[in-house]
Amino acid sequence: MLLRCFSYRWGEFVRLVDPDVITGYNIQNFDIPYVLDRAKHIKASMVEFLGRVKDRPSKIRDAALQSKQMGNRVNKQTNIEGRVQFDVLQVKNQSK
């Protein structure tokens, strides 16, 4: 019950603050997918609506990337309609 309340409040906080940019370190591959997966597991359904488009839930998908510099890797991409996700870890890895 506590986790459901916390998860619901977190989603409510994002909608209330209405940020243009969501930023963090490894948010793309860990933080956002973790929160959405936990919310789904505990049936806190409103958490998945993190974007500005009210009827479009945020969904996670795997995106395979390959390059000579970075090799093969799989990143997670989450659609959060109307918000920019800025992952500092992604920028750090690309600037090597």
C-alpha atoms as a PDB file:
ATOM      1  CA  MET A   1       0.000   0.000   0.000  1.00  0.00           C
ATOM      2  CA  LEU A   2       2.823   2.395   0.847  1.00  0.00           C
ATOM      3  CA  LEU A   3       4.562   1.744  -2.486  1.00  0.00           C
ATOM      4  CA  ARG A   4       1.340   2.245  -4.410  1.00  0.00           C
ATOM      5  CA  CYS A   5       0.794   5.566  -2.628  1.00  0.00           C
ATOM      6  CA  PHE A   6       4.394   6.651  -3.231  1.00  0.00           C
ATOM      7  CA  SER A   7       4.270   5.686  -6.912  1.00  0.00           C
ATOM      8  CA  TYR A   8       0.937   7.409  -7.410  1.00  0.00           C
ATOM      9  CA  ARG A   9       2.221  10.564  -5.709  1.00  0.00           C
ATOM     10  CA  TRP A  10       5.360  10.560  -7.868  1.00  0.00           C
ATOM     11  CA  GLY A  11       3.279  10.470 -11.047  1.00  0.00           C
ATOM     12  CA  GLU A  12       1.012  13.155  -9.616  1.00  0.00           C
ATOM     13  CA  PHE A  13       4.087  15.288  -8.790  1.00  0.00           C
ATOM     14  CA  VAL A  14       5.368  15.066 -12.384  1.00  0.00           C
ATOM     15  CA  ARG A  15       1.973  16.110 -13.743  1.00  0.00           C
ATOM     16  CA  LEU A  16       1.670  18.954 -11.197  1.00  0.00           C
ATOM     17  CA  VAL A  17       5.151  20.406 -11.781  1.00  0.00           C
ATOM     18  CA  ASP A  18       4.769  19.851 -15.547  1.00  0.00           C
ATOM     19  CA  PRO A  19       8.512  19.954 -16.397  1.00  0.00           C
ATOM     20  CA  ASP A  20       9.738  20.583 -19.945  1.00  0.00           C
ATOM     21  CA  VAL A  21      12.906  18.553 -19.286  1.00  0.00           C
ATOM     22  CA  ILE A  22      13.409  15.437 -17.157  1.00  0.00           C
ATOM     23  CA  THR A  23      17.088  14.946 -16.430  1.00  0.00           C
ATOM     24  CA  GLY A  24      19.279  12.625 -14.412  1.00  0.00           C
ATOM     25  CA  TYR A  25      22.113  10.122 -14.579  1.00  0.00           C
ATOM     26  CA  ASN A  26      21.089   6.870 -16.322  1.00  0.00           C
ATOM     27  CA  ILE A  27      17.393   7.765 -16.202  1.00  0.00           C
ATOM     28  CA  GLN A  28      16.835   6.333 -19.670  1.00  0.00           C
ATOM     29  CA  ASN A  29      18.063   2.808 -18.897  1.00  0.00           C
ATOM     30  CA  PHE A  30      17.234   2.511 -15.209  1.00  0.00           C
ATOM     31  CA  ASP A  31      15.229   5.132 -13.301  1.00  0.00           C
ATOM     32  CA  ILE A  32      12.245   5.740 -15.566  1.00  0.00           C
ATOM     33  CA  PRO A  33      11.865   2.081 -16.663  1.00  0.00           C
ATOM     34  CA  TYR A  34      12.170   0.970 -13.022  1.00  0.00           C
ATOM     35  CA  VAL A  35       9.468   3.352 -11.804  1.00  0.00           C
ATOM     36  CA  LEU A  36       7.116   2.379 -14.639  1.00  0.00           C
ATOM     37  CA  ASP A  37       7.722  -1.361 -14.118  1.00  0.00           C
ATOM     38  CA  ARG A  38       7.144  -1.114 -10.359  1.00  0.00           C
ATOM     39  CA  ALA A  39       3.996   0.947 -10.867  1.00  0.00           C
ATOM     40  CA  LYS A  40       2.683  -1.681 -13.271  1.00  0.00           C
ATOM     41  CA  HIS A  41       3.537  -4.459 -10.816  1.00  0.00           C
ATOM     42  CA  ILE A  42       1.712  -2.812  -7.902  1.00  0.00           C
ATOM     43  CA  LYS A  43      -1.162  -1.680 -10.144  1.00  0.00           C
ATOM     44  CA  ALA A  44      -0.610   2.058  -9.691  1.00  0.00           C
ATOM     45  CA  SER A  45      -1.996   2.743 -13.158  1.00  0.00           C
ATOM     46  CA  MET A  46      -1.895   6.558 -13.249  1.00  0.00           C
ATOM     47  CA  VAL A  47       1.895   6.610 -12.903  1.00  0.00           C
ATOM     48  CA  GLU A  48       2.367   5.573 -16.523  1.00  0.00           C
ATOM     49  CA  PHE A  49       0.827   8.842 -17.744  1.00  0.00           C
ATOM     50  CA  LEU A  50       3.937  11.019 -17.322  1.00  0.00           C
ATOM     51  CA  GLY A  51       3.645  13.005 -20.546  1.00  0.00           C
ATOM     52  CA  ARG A  52       1.596  16.058 -21.369  1.00  0.00           C
ATOM     53  CA  VAL A  53      -0.758  14.143 -23.641  1.00  0.00           C
ATOM     54  CA  LYS A  54      -3.309  12.857 -21.141  1.00  0.00           C
ATOM     55  CA  ASP A  55      -4.418   9.703 -22.972  1.00  0.00           C
ATOM     56  CA  ARG A  56      -0.950   8.481 -24.073  1.00  0.00           C
ATOM     57  CA  PRO A  57       0.722   6.216 -21.486  1.00  0.00           C
ATOM     58  CA  SER A  58       4.517   6.118 -21.312  1.00  0.00           C
ATOM     59  CA  LYS A  59       5.839   2.854 -22.725  1.00  0.00           C
ATOM     60  CA  ILE A  60       9.313   1.344 -22.638  1.00  0.00           C
ATOM     61  CA  ARG A  61      10.940  -0.283 -25.640  1.00  0.00           C
ATOM     62  CA  ASP A  62      14.410  -1.620 -26.364  1.00  0.00           C
ATOM     63  CA  ALA A  63      16.473   0.165 -29.009  1.00  0.00           C
ATOM     64  CA  ALA A  64      19.512  -1.647 -30.404  1.00  0.00           C
ATOM     65  CA  LEU A  65      22.423   0.604 -31.335  1.00  0.00           C
ATOM     66  CA  GLN A  66      25.702  -0.232 -32.960  1.00  0.00           C
ATOM     67  CA  SER A  67      28.711   1.806 -33.997  1.00  0.00           C
ATOM     68  CA  LYS A  68      32.410   1.244 -34.484  1.00  0.00           C
ATOM     69  CA  GLN A  69      33.212   3.569 -31.610  1.00  0.00           C
ATOM     70  CA  MET A  70      30.716   2.229 -29.050  1.00  0.00           C
ATOM     71  CA  GLY A  71      30.120  -1.342 -30.283  1.00  0.00           C
ATOM     72  CA  ASN A  72      26.753  -3.061 -29.883  1.00  0.00           C
ATOM     73  CA  ARG A  73      24.429  -2.002 -27.094  1.00  0.00           C
ATOM     74  CA  VAL A  74      20.768  -2.048 -26.200  1.00  0.00           C
ATOM     75  CA  ASN A  75      19.235   1.055 -24.683  1.00  0.00           C
ATOM     76  CA  LYS A  76      15.748   1.531 -23.366  1.00  0.00           C
ATOM     77  CA  GLN A  77      13.609   4.288 -24.794  1.00  0.00           C
ATOM     78  CA  THR A  78      10.534   5.601 -23.043  1.00  0.00           C
ATOM     79  CA  ASN A  79       8.037   7.850 -24.740  1.00  0.00           C
ATOM     80  CA  ILE A  80       7.049  10.689 -22.455  1.00  0.00           C
ATOM     81  CA  GLU A  81       5.011  12.848 -24.809  1.00  0.00           C
ATOM     82  CA  GLY A  82       5.774  16.566 -24.595  1.00  0.00           C
ATOM     83  CA  ARG A  83       8.824  16.259 -22.326  1.00  0.00           C
ATOM     84  CA  VAL A  84      12.520  16.082 -23.179  1.00  0.00           C
ATOM     85  CA  GLN A  85      14.522  13.366 -21.428  1.00  0.00           C
ATOM     86  CA  PHE A  86      18.138  14.388 -20.950  1.00  0.00           C
ATOM     87  CA  ASP A  87      20.283  11.516 -19.696  1.00  0.00           C
ATOM     88  CA  VAL A  88      23.696  12.742 -18.543  1.00  0.00           C
ATOM     89  CA  LEU A  89      25.156   9.205 -18.763  1.00  0.00           C
ATOM     90  CA  GLN A  90      24.253   9.026 -22.465  1.00  0.00           C
ATOM     91  CA  VAL A  91      26.023  12.339 -23.099  1.00  0.00           C
ATOM     92  CA  LYS A  92      29.077  11.212 -21.114  1.00  0.00           C
ATOM     93  CA  ASN A  93      29.302   7.950 -23.056  1.00  0.00           C
ATOM     94  CA  GLN A  94      29.003   9.705 -26.413  1.00  0.00           C
ATOM     95  CA  SER A  95      31.785  12.189 -25.640  1.00  0.00           C
ATOM     96  CA  LYS A  96      34.540   9.581 -25.229  1.00  0.00           C
END
